[in-house]
Amino acid sequence: MSKKTLVLGASPTPVRYAYKAVKRLLSYGHEVVAIGKVEAEIDSVKIIKEKVDIPGLHTVTMYLNPEKQEPYLDYIIELKPKRIIFNPGSFNSKLEKLARAAGIEVLEDCTLVMLDTDDY
């Protein structure tokens, strides 16, 4: 089942885990929205800089450190995803509390590993 996913902190640099996540999500058939600090493309996905409405969003997978997440906290909660995955280095206790209060599942995990072990 495809899970529409927002990759927050997307990067056009192939060695970055956020880049690898976009590629891997696509290869597993998931619809991907990518937000990053530079506009670029990863295969068919445009990396955008703006906060956009994302109807039907299932997952936010986080590739920003907690300080860089600050401008996105309210935005993420307003999107009403079913879950947020904090990839290594991105865990944010403030966002975790906001998300849990809004009924959003919170995971500290690795999107790439989750995909490869069929836990996504």
PDB file of N, CA and C in Angstrom:
ATOM      1  N   MET A   1       0.841  -1.185   0.000  1.00  0.00           N
ATOM      2  CA  MET A   1       0.000   0.000   0.000  1.00  0.00           C
ATOM      3  C   MET A   1       0.883   1.245   0.000  1.00  0.00           C
ATOM      4  N   SER A   2       0.623   2.145  -0.923  1.00  0.00           N
ATOM      5  CA  SER A   2       1.397   3.382  -1.016  1.00  0.00           C
ATOM      6  C   SER A   2       1.044   4.318   0.138  1.00  0.00           C
ATOM      7  N   LYS A   3       2.073   4.879   0.742  1.00  0.00           N
ATOM      8  CA  LYS A   3       1.892   5.831   1.838  1.00  0.00           C
ATOM      9  C   LYS A   3       2.508   7.158   1.415  1.00  0.00           C
ATOM     10  N   LYS A   4       1.649   8.160   1.191  1.00  0.00           N
ATOM     11  CA  LYS A   4       2.152   9.466   0.782  1.00  0.00           C
ATOM     12  C   LYS A   4       3.067   9.995   1.882  1.00  0.00           C
ATOM     13  N   THR A   5       4.288  10.351   1.486  1.00  0.00           N
ATOM     14  CA  THR A   5       5.328  10.697   2.456  1.00  0.00           C
ATOM     15  C   THR A   5       5.949  12.045   2.139  1.00  0.00           C
ATOM     16  N   LEU A   6       6.097  12.859   3.176  1.00  0.00           N
ATOM     17  CA  LEU A   6       6.842  14.105   3.082  1.00  0.00           C
ATOM     18  C   LEU A   6       8.250  13.861   3.603  1.00  0.00           C
ATOM     19  N   VAL A   7       9.243  14.094   2.750  1.00  0.00           N
ATOM     20  CA  VAL A   7      10.635  14.044   3.168  1.00  0.00           C
ATOM     21  C   VAL A   7      11.020  15.484   3.503  1.00  0.00           C
ATOM     22  N   LEU A   8      11.170  15.764   4.783  1.00  0.00           N
ATOM     23  CA  LEU A   8      11.483  17.114   5.230  1.00  0.00           C
ATOM     24  C   LEU A   8      12.981  17.210   5.477  1.00  0.00           C
ATOM     25  N   GLY A   9      13.629  18.077   4.696  1.00  0.00           N
ATOM     26  CA  GLY A   9      15.087  18.177   4.716  1.00  0.00           C
ATOM     27  C   GLY A   9      15.681  17.489   3.498  1.00  0.00           C
ATOM     28  N   ALA A  10      14.870  17.377   2.443  1.00  0.00           N
ATOM     29  CA  ALA A  10      15.313  16.707   1.211  1.00  0.00           C
ATOM     30  C   ALA A  10      16.523  17.423   0.624  1.00  0.00           C
ATOM     31  N   SER A  11      17.390  16.636  -0.005  1.00  0.00           N
ATOM     32  CA  SER A  11      18.626  17.169  -0.574  1.00  0.00           C
ATOM     33  C   SER A  11      18.870  16.553  -1.946  1.00  0.00           C
ATOM     34  N   PRO A  12      19.382  17.355  -2.904  1.00  0.00           N
ATOM     35  CA  PRO A  12      19.718  16.808  -4.218  1.00  0.00           C
ATOM     36  C   PRO A  12      21.104  16.142  -4.243  1.00  0.00           C
ATOM     37  N   THR A  13      21.762  16.058  -3.098  1.00  0.00           N
ATOM     38  CA  THR A  13      23.112  15.493  -3.020  1.00  0.00           C
ATOM     39  C   THR A  13      23.029  13.986  -2.792  1.00  0.00           C
ATOM     40  N   PRO A  14      23.500  13.188  -3.754  1.00  0.00           N
ATOM     41  CA  PRO A  14      23.320  11.734  -3.685  1.00  0.00           C
ATOM     42  C   PRO A  14      23.886  11.049  -2.443  1.00  0.00           C
ATOM     43  N   VAL A  15      24.868  11.612  -1.773  1.00  0.00           N
ATOM     44  CA  VAL A  15      25.414  10.948  -0.584  1.00  0.00           C
ATOM     45  C   VAL A  15      24.581  11.202   0.672  1.00  0.00           C
ATOM     46  N   ARG A  16      23.622  12.117   0.596  1.00  0.00           N
ATOM     47  CA  ARG A  16      22.793  12.449   1.769  1.00  0.00           C
ATOM     48  C   ARG A  16      21.693  11.395   1.949  1.00  0.00           C
ATOM     49  N   TYR A  17      21.406  11.080   3.197  1.00  0.00           N
ATOM     50  CA  TYR A  17      20.379  10.077   3.481  1.00  0.00           C
ATOM     51  C   TYR A  17      18.990  10.537   3.023  1.00  0.00           C
ATOM     52  N   ALA A  18      18.725  11.822   3.074  1.00  0.00           N
ATOM     53  CA  ALA A  18      17.425  12.326   2.616  1.00  0.00           C
ATOM     54  C   ALA A  18      17.249  12.072   1.114  1.00  0.00           C
ATOM     55  N   TYR A  19      18.314  12.201   0.354  1.00  0.00           N
ATOM     56  CA  TYR A  19      18.274  11.891  -1.081  1.00  0.00           C
ATOM     57  C   TYR A  19      17.976  10.404  -1.274  1.00  0.00           C
ATOM     58  N   LYS A  20      18.714   9.576  -0.533  1.00  0.00           N
ATOM     59  CA  LYS A  20      18.526   8.124  -0.635  1.00  0.00           C
ATOM     60  C   LYS A  20      17.111   7.730  -0.240  1.00  0.00           C
ATOM     61  N   ALA A  21      16.549   8.430   0.746  1.00  0.00           N
ATOM     62  CA  ALA A  21      15.187   8.125   1.188  1.00  0.00           C
ATOM     63  C   ALA A  21      14.184   8.407   0.076  1.00  0.00           C
ATOM     64  N   VAL A  22      14.328   9.541  -0.608  1.00  0.00           N
ATOM     65  CA  VAL A  22      13.416   9.846  -1.716  1.00  0.00           C
ATOM     66  C   VAL A  22      13.497   8.743  -2.771  1.00  0.00           C
ATOM     67  N   LYS A  23      14.698   8.375  -3.151  1.00  0.00           N
ATOM     68  CA  LYS A  23      14.882   7.340  -4.178  1.00  0.00           C
ATOM     69  C   LYS A  23      14.275   6.006  -3.738  1.00  0.00           C
ATOM     70  N   ARG A  24      14.537   5.627  -2.496  1.00  0.00           N
ATOM     71  CA  ARG A  24      14.065   4.334  -2.001  1.00  0.00           C
ATOM     72  C   ARG A  24      12.543   4.330  -1.847  1.00  0.00           C
ATOM     73  N   LEU A  25      11.982   5.424  -1.336  1.00  0.00           N
ATOM     74  CA  LEU A  25      10.524   5.517  -1.219  1.00  0.00           C
ATOM     75  C   LEU A  25       9.864   5.347  -2.591  1.00  0.00           C
ATOM     76  N   LEU A  26      10.418   6.022  -3.601  1.00  0.00           N
ATOM     77  CA  LEU A  26       9.892   5.892  -4.955  1.00  0.00           C
ATOM     78  C   LEU A  26       9.993   4.450  -5.443  1.00  0.00           C
ATOM     79  N   SER A  27      11.127   3.802  -5.185  1.00  0.00           N
ATOM     80  CA  SER A  27      11.323   2.431  -5.661  1.00  0.00           C
ATOM     81  C   SER A  27      10.354   1.458  -5.007  1.00  0.00           C
ATOM     82  N   TYR A  28       9.862   1.818  -3.816  1.00  0.00           N
ATOM     83  CA  TYR A  28       8.867   0.981  -3.134  1.00  0.00           C
ATOM     84  C   TYR A  28       7.436   1.416  -3.464  1.00  0.00           C
ATOM     85  N   GLY A  29       7.280   2.373  -4.372  1.00  0.00           N
ATOM     86  CA  GLY A  29       5.961   2.746  -4.855  1.00  0.00           C
ATOM     87  C   GLY A  29       5.218   3.780  -4.022  1.00  0.00           C
ATOM     88  N   HIS A  30       5.932   4.485  -3.154  1.00  0.00           N
ATOM     89  CA  HIS A  30       5.292   5.510  -2.337  1.00  0.00           C
ATOM     90  C   HIS A  30       5.305   6.854  -3.049  1.00  0.00           C
ATOM     91  N   GLU A  31       4.234   7.617  -2.869  1.00  0.00           N
ATOM     92  CA  GLU A  31       4.178   8.978  -3.395  1.00  0.00           C
ATOM     93  C   GLU A  31       5.010   9.858  -2.470  1.00  0.00           C
ATOM     94  N   VAL A  32       5.868  10.705  -3.048  1.00  0.00           N
ATOM     95  CA  VAL A  32       6.798  11.500  -2.244  1.00  0.00           C
ATOM     96  C   VAL A  32       6.625  12.981  -2.534  1.00  0.00           C
ATOM     97  N   VAL A  33       6.577  13.766  -1.451  1.00  0.00           N
ATOM     98  CA  VAL A  33       6.677  15.220  -1.506  1.00  0.00           C
ATOM     99  C   VAL A  33       7.987  15.551  -0.796  1.00  0.00           C
ATOM    100  N   ALA A  34       8.798  16.415  -1.393  1.00  0.00           N
ATOM    101  CA  ALA A  34      10.108  16.723  -0.832  1.00  0.00           C
ATOM    102  C   ALA A  34      10.243  18.227  -0.582  1.00  0.00           C
ATOM    103  N   ILE A  35      10.581  18.574   0.641  1.00  0.00           N
ATOM    104  CA  ILE A  35      10.836  19.967   0.989  1.00  0.00           C
ATOM    105  C   ILE A  35      12.280  20.066   1.465  1.00  0.00           C
ATOM    106  N   GLY A  36      12.996  21.027   0.896  1.00  0.00           N
ATOM    107  CA  GLY A  36      14.391  21.234   1.252  1.00  0.00           C
ATOM    108  C   GLY A  36      14.761  22.696   1.138  1.00  0.00           C
ATOM    109  N   LYS A  37      16.040  22.988   1.302  1.00  0.00           N
ATOM    110  CA  LYS A  37      16.460  24.392   1.262  1.00  0.00           C
ATOM    111  C   LYS A  37      16.827  24.861  -0.142  1.00  0.00           C
ATOM    112  N   VAL A  38      16.952  23.927  -1.082  1.00  0.00           N
ATOM    113  CA  VAL A  38      17.209  24.314  -2.477  1.00  0.00           C
ATOM    114  C   VAL A  38      16.215  23.601  -3.392  1.00  0.00           C
ATOM    115  N   GLU A  39      15.776  24.313  -4.429  1.00  0.00           N
ATOM    116  CA  GLU A  39      14.893  23.696  -5.405  1.00  0.00           C
ATOM    117  C   GLU A  39      15.735  22.854  -6.354  1.00  0.00           C
ATOM    118  N   ALA A  40      15.301  21.621  -6.542  1.00  0.00           N
ATOM    119  CA  ALA A  40      16.033  20.684  -7.402  1.00  0.00           C
ATOM    120  C   ALA A  40      15.075  19.540  -7.723  1.00  0.00           C
ATOM    121  N   GLU A  41      15.601  18.501  -8.346  1.00  0.00           N
ATOM    122  CA  GLU A  41      14.797  17.323  -8.647  1.00  0.00           C
ATOM    123  C   GLU A  41      15.552  16.065  -8.306  1.00  0.00           C
ATOM    124  N   ILE A  42      14.805  15.092  -7.798  1.00  0.00           N
ATOM    125  CA  ILE A  42      15.322  13.740  -7.602  1.00  0.00           C
ATOM    126  C   ILE A  42      14.374  12.844  -8.378  1.00  0.00           C
ATOM    127  N   ASP A  43      14.837  12.335  -9.500  1.00  0.00           N
ATOM    128  CA  ASP A  43      13.991  11.579 -10.414  1.00  0.00           C
ATOM    129  C   ASP A  43      12.749  12.403 -10.749  1.00  0.00           C
ATOM    130  N   SER A  44      11.567  11.905 -10.437  1.00  0.00           N
ATOM    131  CA  SER A  44      10.337  12.615 -10.792  1.00  0.00           C
ATOM    132  C   SER A  44       9.867  13.575  -9.700  1.00  0.00           C
ATOM    133  N   VAL A  45      10.607  13.664  -8.611  1.00  0.00           N
ATOM    134  CA  VAL A  45      10.185  14.472  -7.461  1.00  0.00           C
ATOM    135  C   VAL A  45      10.910  15.813  -7.464  1.00  0.00           C
ATOM    136  N   LYS A  46      10.133  16.884  -7.441  1.00  0.00           N
ATOM    137  CA  LYS A  46      10.712  18.217  -7.325  1.00  0.00           C
ATOM    138  C   LYS A  46      10.899  18.544  -5.849  1.00  0.00           C
ATOM    139  N   ILE A  47      12.089  18.978  -5.485  1.00  0.00           N
ATOM    140  CA  ILE A  47      12.312  19.483  -4.129  1.00  0.00           C
ATOM    141  C   ILE A  47      11.843  20.929  -4.130  1.00  0.00           C
ATOM    142  N   ILE A  48      10.915  21.222  -3.228  1.00  0.00           N
ATOM    143  CA  ILE A  48      10.385  22.580  -3.131  1.00  0.00           C
ATOM    144  C   ILE A  48      10.840  23.207  -1.819  1.00  0.00           C
ATOM    145  N   LYS A  49      10.757  24.531  -1.751  1.00  0.00           N
ATOM    146  CA  LYS A  49      11.160  25.238  -0.535  1.00  0.00           C
ATOM    147  C   LYS A  49       9.962  25.710   0.280  1.00  0.00           C
ATOM    148  N   GLU A  50       8.787  25.734  -0.342  1.00  0.00           N
ATOM    149  CA  GLU A  50       7.601  26.270   0.323  1.00  0.00           C
ATOM    150  C   GLU A  50       6.883  25.195   1.129  1.00  0.00           C
ATOM    151  N   LYS A  51       6.156  25.659   2.138  1.00  0.00           N
ATOM    152  CA  LYS A  51       5.250  24.790   2.878  1.00  0.00           C
ATOM    153  C   LYS A  51       3.961  24.726   2.067  1.00  0.00           C
ATOM    154  N   VAL A  52       3.598  23.550   1.625  1.00  0.00           N
ATOM    155  CA  VAL A  52       2.396  23.370   0.807  1.00  0.00           C
ATOM    156  C   VAL A  52       1.426  22.425   1.519  1.00  0.00           C
ATOM    157  N   ASP A  53       0.158  22.533   1.160  1.00  0.00           N
ATOM    158  CA  ASP A  53      -0.829  21.612   1.687  1.00  0.00           C
ATOM    159  C   ASP A  53      -0.597  20.246   1.038  1.00  0.00           C
ATOM    160  N   ILE A  54      -0.710  19.188   1.821  1.00  0.00           N
ATOM    161  CA  ILE A  54      -0.480  17.840   1.303  1.00  0.00           C
ATOM    162  C   ILE A  54      -1.643  16.952   1.746  1.00  0.00           C
ATOM    163  N   PRO A  55      -2.748  16.981   0.989  1.00  0.00           N
ATOM    164  CA  PRO A  55      -3.898  16.148   1.357  1.00  0.00           C
ATOM    165  C   PRO A  55      -3.529  14.665   1.347  1.00  0.00           C
ATOM    166  N   GLY A  56      -4.056  13.921   2.311  1.00  0.00           N
ATOM    167  CA  GLY A  56      -3.823  12.484   2.350  1.00  0.00           C
ATOM    168  C   GLY A  56      -2.435  12.080   2.806  1.00  0.00           C
ATOM    169  N   LEU A  57      -1.736  12.980   3.479  1.00  0.00           N
ATOM    170  CA  LEU A  57      -0.372  12.675   3.927  1.00  0.00           C
ATOM    171  C   LEU A  57      -0.389  11.575   4.977  1.00  0.00           C
ATOM    172  N   HIS A  58       0.445  10.585   4.791  1.00  0.00           N
ATOM    173  CA  HIS A  58       0.549   9.495   5.761  1.00  0.00           C
ATOM    174  C   HIS A  58       1.727   9.696   6.706  1.00  0.00           C
ATOM    175  N   THR A  59       2.896  10.007   6.151  1.00  0.00           N
ATOM    176  CA  THR A  59       4.123  10.016   6.950  1.00  0.00           C
ATOM    177  C   THR A  59       4.956  11.254   6.676  1.00  0.00           C
ATOM    178  N   VAL A  60       5.506  11.821   7.741  1.00  0.00           N
ATOM    179  CA  VAL A  60       6.569  12.816   7.620  1.00  0.00           C
ATOM    180  C   VAL A  60       7.838  12.110   8.064  1.00  0.00           C
ATOM    181  N   THR A  61       8.828  12.050   7.187  1.00  0.00           N
ATOM    182  CA  THR A  61      10.109  11.477   7.566  1.00  0.00           C
ATOM    183  C   THR A  61      11.102  12.621   7.670  1.00  0.00           C
ATOM    184  N   MET A  62      11.693  12.759   8.851  1.00  0.00           N
ATOM    185  CA  MET A  62      12.455  13.943   9.225  1.00  0.00           C
ATOM    186  C   MET A  62      13.952  13.773   8.991  1.00  0.00           C
ATOM    187  N   TYR A  63      14.509  14.704   8.219  1.00  0.00           N
ATOM    188  CA  TYR A  63      15.948  14.740   7.972  1.00  0.00           C
ATOM    189  C   TYR A  63      16.530  16.107   8.318  1.00  0.00           C
ATOM    190  N   LEU A  64      15.908  16.792   9.268  1.00  0.00           N
ATOM    191  CA  LEU A  64      16.422  18.077   9.758  1.00  0.00           C
ATOM    192  C   LEU A  64      16.766  17.922  11.229  1.00  0.00           C
ATOM    193  N   ASN A  65      17.823  18.613  11.673  1.00  0.00           N
ATOM    194  CA  ASN A  65      18.109  18.577  13.098  1.00  0.00           C
ATOM    195  C   ASN A  65      17.060  19.415  13.827  1.00  0.00           C
ATOM    196  N   PRO A  66      16.909  19.229  15.133  1.00  0.00           N
ATOM    197  CA  PRO A  66      15.839  19.905  15.869  1.00  0.00           C
ATOM    198  C   PRO A  66      15.798  21.428  15.693  1.00  0.00           C
ATOM    199  N   GLU A  67      16.935  22.082  15.628  1.00  0.00           N
ATOM    200  CA  GLU A  67      16.943  23.546  15.459  1.00  0.00           C
ATOM    201  C   GLU A  67      16.334  23.953  14.127  1.00  0.00           C
ATOM    202  N   LYS A  68      16.636  23.213  13.082  1.00  0.00           N
ATOM    203  CA  LYS A  68      16.118  23.547  11.756  1.00  0.00           C
ATOM    204  C   LYS A  68      14.650  23.159  11.593  1.00  0.00           C
ATOM    205  N   GLN A  69      14.126  22.364  12.512  1.00  0.00           N
ATOM    206  CA  GLN A  69      12.714  21.976  12.468  1.00  0.00           C
ATOM    207  C   GLN A  69      11.793  23.079  12.972  1.00  0.00           C
ATOM    208  N   GLU A  70      12.326  23.986  13.772  1.00  0.00           N
ATOM    209  CA  GLU A  70      11.511  24.985  14.468  1.00  0.00           C
ATOM    210  C   GLU A  70      10.479  25.679  13.565  1.00  0.00           C
ATOM    211  N   PRO A  71      10.857  26.166  12.366  1.00  0.00           N
ATOM    212  CA  PRO A  71       9.864  26.846  11.528  1.00  0.00           C
ATOM    213  C   PRO A  71       8.763  25.920  10.985  1.00  0.00           C
ATOM    214  N   TYR A  72       8.933  24.618  11.146  1.00  0.00           N
ATOM    215  CA  TYR A  72       7.999  23.651  10.570  1.00  0.00           C
ATOM    216  C   TYR A  72       7.069  23.005  11.597  1.00  0.00           C
ATOM    217  N   LEU A  73       7.240  23.288  12.884  1.00  0.00           N
ATOM    218  CA  LEU A  73       6.482  22.571  13.912  1.00  0.00           C
ATOM    219  C   LEU A  73       4.976  22.677  13.708  1.00  0.00           C
ATOM    220  N   ASP A  74       4.452  23.888  13.646  1.00  0.00           N
ATOM    221  CA  ASP A  74       3.004  24.065  13.461  1.00  0.00           C
ATOM    222  C   ASP A  74       2.551  23.487  12.124  1.00  0.00           C
ATOM    223  N   TYR A  75       3.351  23.702  11.089  1.00  0.00           N
ATOM    224  CA  TYR A  75       3.038  23.191   9.754  1.00  0.00           C
ATOM    225  C   TYR A  75       2.853  21.671   9.777  1.00  0.00           C
ATOM    226  N   ILE A  76       3.774  20.961  10.415  1.00  0.00           N
ATOM    227  CA  ILE A  76       3.695  19.499  10.464  1.00  0.00           C
ATOM    228  C   ILE A  76       2.415  19.053  11.164  1.00  0.00           C
ATOM    229  N   ILE A  77       2.113  19.668  12.289  1.00  0.00           N
ATOM    230  CA  ILE A  77       0.907  19.293  13.035  1.00  0.00           C
ATOM    231  C   ILE A  77      -0.347  19.600  12.206  1.00  0.00           C
ATOM    232  N   GLU A  78      -0.357  20.741  11.519  1.00  0.00           N
ATOM    233  CA  GLU A  78      -1.512  21.120  10.695  1.00  0.00           C
ATOM    234  C   GLU A  78      -1.716  20.175   9.514  1.00  0.00           C
ATOM    235  N   LEU A  79      -0.652  19.540   9.033  1.00  0.00           N
ATOM    236  CA  LEU A  79      -0.775  18.575   7.934  1.00  0.00           C
ATOM    237  C   LEU A  79      -1.511  17.307   8.368  1.00  0.00           C
ATOM    238  N   LYS A  80      -1.532  17.042   9.665  1.00  0.00           N
ATOM    239  CA  LYS A  80      -2.211  15.870  10.237  1.00  0.00           C
ATOM    240  C   LYS A  80      -1.731  14.548   9.643  1.00  0.00           C
ATOM    241  N   PRO A  81      -0.418  14.314   9.638  1.00  0.00           N
ATOM    242  CA  PRO A  81       0.045  13.007   9.160  1.00  0.00           C
ATOM    243  C   PRO A  81      -0.344  11.928  10.169  1.00  0.00           C
ATOM    244  N   LYS A  82      -0.321  10.693   9.725  1.00  0.00           N
ATOM    245  CA  LYS A  82      -0.583   9.585  10.639  1.00  0.00           C
ATOM    246  C   LYS A  82       0.630   9.326  11.528  1.00  0.00           C
ATOM    247  N   ARG A  83       1.844   9.607  10.992  1.00  0.00           N
ATOM    248  CA  ARG A  83       3.046   9.377  11.795  1.00  0.00           C
ATOM    249  C   ARG A  83       4.184  10.297  11.364  1.00  0.00           C
ATOM    250  N   ILE A  84       5.122  10.427  12.293  1.00  0.00           N
ATOM    251  CA  ILE A  84       6.368  11.135  12.043  1.00  0.00           C
ATOM    252  C   ILE A  84       7.497  10.168  12.361  1.00  0.00           C
ATOM    253  N   ILE A  85       8.441  10.046  11.439  1.00  0.00           N
ATOM    254  CA  ILE A  85       9.622   9.224  11.675  1.00  0.00           C
ATOM    255  C   ILE A  85      10.800  10.170  11.891  1.00  0.00           C
ATOM    256  N   PHE A  86      11.387  10.089  13.070  1.00  0.00           N
ATOM    257  CA  PHE A  86      12.604  10.838  13.364  1.00  0.00           C
ATOM    258  C   PHE A  86      13.778   9.954  13.000  1.00  0.00           C
ATOM    259  N   ASN A  87      14.445  10.270  11.894  1.00  0.00           N
ATOM    260  CA  ASN A  87      15.635   9.539  11.492  1.00  0.00           C
ATOM    261  C   ASN A  87      16.783   9.929  12.418  1.00  0.00           C
ATOM    262  N   PRO A  88      17.860   9.131  12.449  1.00  0.00           N
ATOM    263  CA  PRO A  88      18.962   9.428  13.365  1.00  0.00           C
ATOM    264  C   PRO A  88      19.428  10.891  13.261  1.00  0.00           C
ATOM    265  N   GLY A  89      19.551  11.534  14.424  1.00  0.00           N
ATOM    266  CA  GLY A  89      19.998  12.920  14.488  1.00  0.00           C
ATOM    267  C   GLY A  89      18.891  13.945  14.390  1.00  0.00           C
ATOM    268  N   SER A  90      17.640  13.494  14.225  1.00  0.00           N
ATOM    269  CA  SER A  90      16.555  14.447  14.027  1.00  0.00           C
ATOM    270  C   SER A  90      15.538  14.468  15.173  1.00  0.00           C
ATOM    271  N   PHE A  91      15.732  13.642  16.187  1.00  0.00           N
ATOM    272  CA  PHE A  91      14.725  13.572  17.251  1.00  0.00           C
ATOM    273  C   PHE A  91      14.553  14.926  17.924  1.00  0.00           C
ATOM    274  N   ASN A  92      13.282  15.296  18.145  1.00  0.00           N
ATOM    275  CA  ASN A  92      12.929  16.592  18.715  1.00  0.00           C
ATOM    276  C   ASN A  92      11.819  16.355  19.740  1.00  0.00           C
ATOM    277  N   SER A  93      12.145  16.489  21.026  1.00  0.00           N
ATOM    278  CA  SER A  93      11.150  16.201  22.066  1.00  0.00           C
ATOM    279  C   SER A  93       9.969  17.169  22.018  1.00  0.00           C
ATOM    280  N   LYS A  94      10.218  18.407  21.600  1.00  0.00           N
ATOM    281  CA  LYS A  94       9.120  19.381  21.489  1.00  0.00           C
ATOM    282  C   LYS A  94       8.113  18.941  20.433  1.00  0.00           C
ATOM    283  N   LEU A  95       8.605  18.555  19.268  1.00  0.00           N
ATOM    284  CA  LEU A  95       7.722  18.078  18.206  1.00  0.00           C
ATOM    285  C   LEU A  95       7.058  16.765  18.606  1.00  0.00           C
ATOM    286  N   GLU A  96       7.786  15.910  19.292  1.00  0.00           N
ATOM    287  CA  GLU A  96       7.203  14.650  19.748  1.00  0.00           C
ATOM    288  C   GLU A  96       5.980  14.925  20.635  1.00  0.00           C
ATOM    289  N   LYS A  97       6.100  15.836  21.587  1.00  0.00           N
ATOM    290  CA  LYS A  97       4.988  16.163  22.484  1.00  0.00           C
ATOM    291  C   LYS A  97       3.805  16.742  21.714  1.00  0.00           C
ATOM    292  N   LEU A  98       4.081  17.673  20.794  1.00  0.00           N
ATOM    293  CA  LEU A  98       3.011  18.258  19.973  1.00  0.00           C
ATOM    294  C   LEU A  98       2.306  17.179  19.149  1.00  0.00           C
ATOM    295  N   ALA A  99       3.090  16.298  18.575  1.00  0.00           N
ATOM    296  CA  ALA A  99       2.529  15.254  17.717  1.00  0.00           C
ATOM    297  C   ALA A  99       1.672  14.287  18.525  1.00  0.00           C
ATOM    298  N   ARG A 100       2.187  13.823  19.628  1.00  0.00           N
ATOM    299  CA  ARG A 100       1.421  12.870  20.450  1.00  0.00           C
ATOM    300  C   ARG A 100       0.118  13.502  20.938  1.00  0.00           C
ATOM    301  N   ALA A 101       0.175  14.793  21.312  1.00  0.00           N
ATOM    302  CA  ALA A 101      -1.039  15.503  21.760  1.00  0.00           C
ATOM    303  C   ALA A 101      -2.066  15.595  20.632  1.00  0.00           C
ATOM    304  N   ALA A 102      -1.590  15.588  19.386  1.00  0.00           N
ATOM    305  CA  ALA A 102      -2.479  15.668  18.224  1.00  0.00           C
ATOM    306  C   ALA A 102      -2.871  14.285  17.707  1.00  0.00           C
ATOM    307  N   GLY A 103      -2.450  13.225  18.410  1.00  0.00           N
ATOM    308  CA  GLY A 103      -2.802  11.873  18.001  1.00  0.00           C
ATOM    309  C   GLY A 103      -1.960  11.326  16.863  1.00  0.00           C
ATOM    310  N   ILE A 104      -0.772  11.888  16.672  1.00  0.00           N
ATOM    311  CA  ILE A 104       0.130  11.453  15.601  1.00  0.00           C
ATOM    312  C   ILE A 104       1.151  10.471  16.181  1.00  0.00           C
ATOM    313  N   GLU A 105       1.303   9.342  15.528  1.00  0.00           N
ATOM    314  CA  GLU A 105       2.291   8.346  15.955  1.00  0.00           C
ATOM    315  C   GLU A 105       3.701   8.914  15.752  1.00  0.00           C
ATOM    316  N   VAL A 106       4.588   8.631  16.697  1.00  0.00           N
ATOM    317  CA  VAL A 106       5.964   9.115  16.622  1.00  0.00           C
ATOM    318  C   VAL A 106       6.908   7.920  16.712  1.00  0.00           C
ATOM    319  N   LEU A 107       7.847   7.848  15.781  1.00  0.00           N
ATOM    320  CA  LEU A 107       8.836   6.773  15.777  1.00  0.00           C
ATOM    321  C   LEU A 107      10.237   7.364  15.702  1.00  0.00           C
ATOM    322  N   GLU A 108      11.147   6.825  16.477  1.00  0.00           N
ATOM    323  CA  GLU A 108      12.575   7.103  16.306  1.00  0.00           C
ATOM    324  C   GLU A 108      13.118   5.892  15.574  1.00  0.00           C
ATOM    325  N   ASP A 109      13.400   6.063  14.288  1.00  0.00           N
ATOM    326  CA  ASP A 109      13.789   4.916  13.472  1.00  0.00           C
ATOM    327  C   ASP A 109      14.533   5.433  12.254  1.00  0.00           C
ATOM    328  N   CYS A 110      14.797   4.567  11.321  1.00  0.00           N
ATOM    329  CA  CYS A 110      15.472   4.929  10.076  1.00  0.00           C
ATOM    330  C   CYS A 110      14.576   4.497   8.918  1.00  0.00           C
ATOM    331  N   THR A 111      14.142   5.460   8.140  1.00  0.00           N
ATOM    332  CA  THR A 111      13.251   5.177   7.019  1.00  0.00           C
ATOM    333  C   THR A 111      13.849   4.141   6.078  1.00  0.00           C
ATOM    334  N   LEU A 112      15.131   4.256   5.788  1.00  0.00           N
ATOM    335  CA  LEU A 112      15.768   3.322   4.855  1.00  0.00           C
ATOM    336  C   LEU A 112      15.713   1.892   5.388  1.00  0.00           C
ATOM    337  N   VAL A 113      15.999   1.709   6.663  1.00  0.00           N
ATOM    338  CA  VAL A 113      15.946   0.380   7.271  1.00  0.00           C
ATOM    339  C   VAL A 113      14.506  -0.115   7.317  1.00  0.00           C
ATOM    340  N   MET A 114      13.583   0.756   7.682  1.00  0.00           N
ATOM    341  CA  MET A 114      12.172   0.367   7.740  1.00  0.00           C
ATOM    342  C   MET A 114      11.683  -0.146   6.389  1.00  0.00           C
ATOM    343  N   LEU A 115      12.070   0.532   5.319  1.00  0.00           N
ATOM    344  CA  LEU A 115      11.670   0.106   3.980  1.00  0.00           C
ATOM    345  C   LEU A 115      12.258  -1.263   3.647  1.00  0.00           C
ATOM    346  N   ASP A 116      13.544  -1.435   3.936  1.00  0.00           N
ATOM    347  CA  ASP A 116      14.221  -2.681   3.577  1.00  0.00           C
ATOM    348  C   ASP A 116      13.770  -3.868   4.417  1.00  0.00           C
ATOM    349  N   THR A 117      13.231  -3.614   5.617  1.00  0.00           N
ATOM    350  CA  THR A 117      12.783  -4.724   6.478  1.00  0.00           C
ATOM    351  C   THR A 117      11.262  -4.876   6.439  1.00  0.00           C
ATOM    352  N   ASP A 118      10.615  -4.176   5.521  1.00  0.00           N
ATOM    353  CA  ASP A 118       9.162  -4.244   5.335  1.00  0.00           C
ATOM    354  C   ASP A 118       8.389  -3.742   6.547  1.00  0.00           C
ATOM    355  N   ASP A 119       8.973  -2.810   7.298  1.00  0.00           N
ATOM    356  CA  ASP A 119       8.320  -2.220   8.464  1.00  0.00           C
ATOM    357  C   ASP A 119       7.754  -0.841   8.163  1.00  0.00           C
ATOM    358  N   TYR A 120       7.834  -0.391   6.924  1.00  0.00           N
ATOM    359  CA  TYR A 120       7.393   0.961   6.592  1.00  0.00           C
ATOM    360  C   TYR A 120       5.885   1.002   6.517  1.00  0.00           C
TER     361      TYR A 120
END
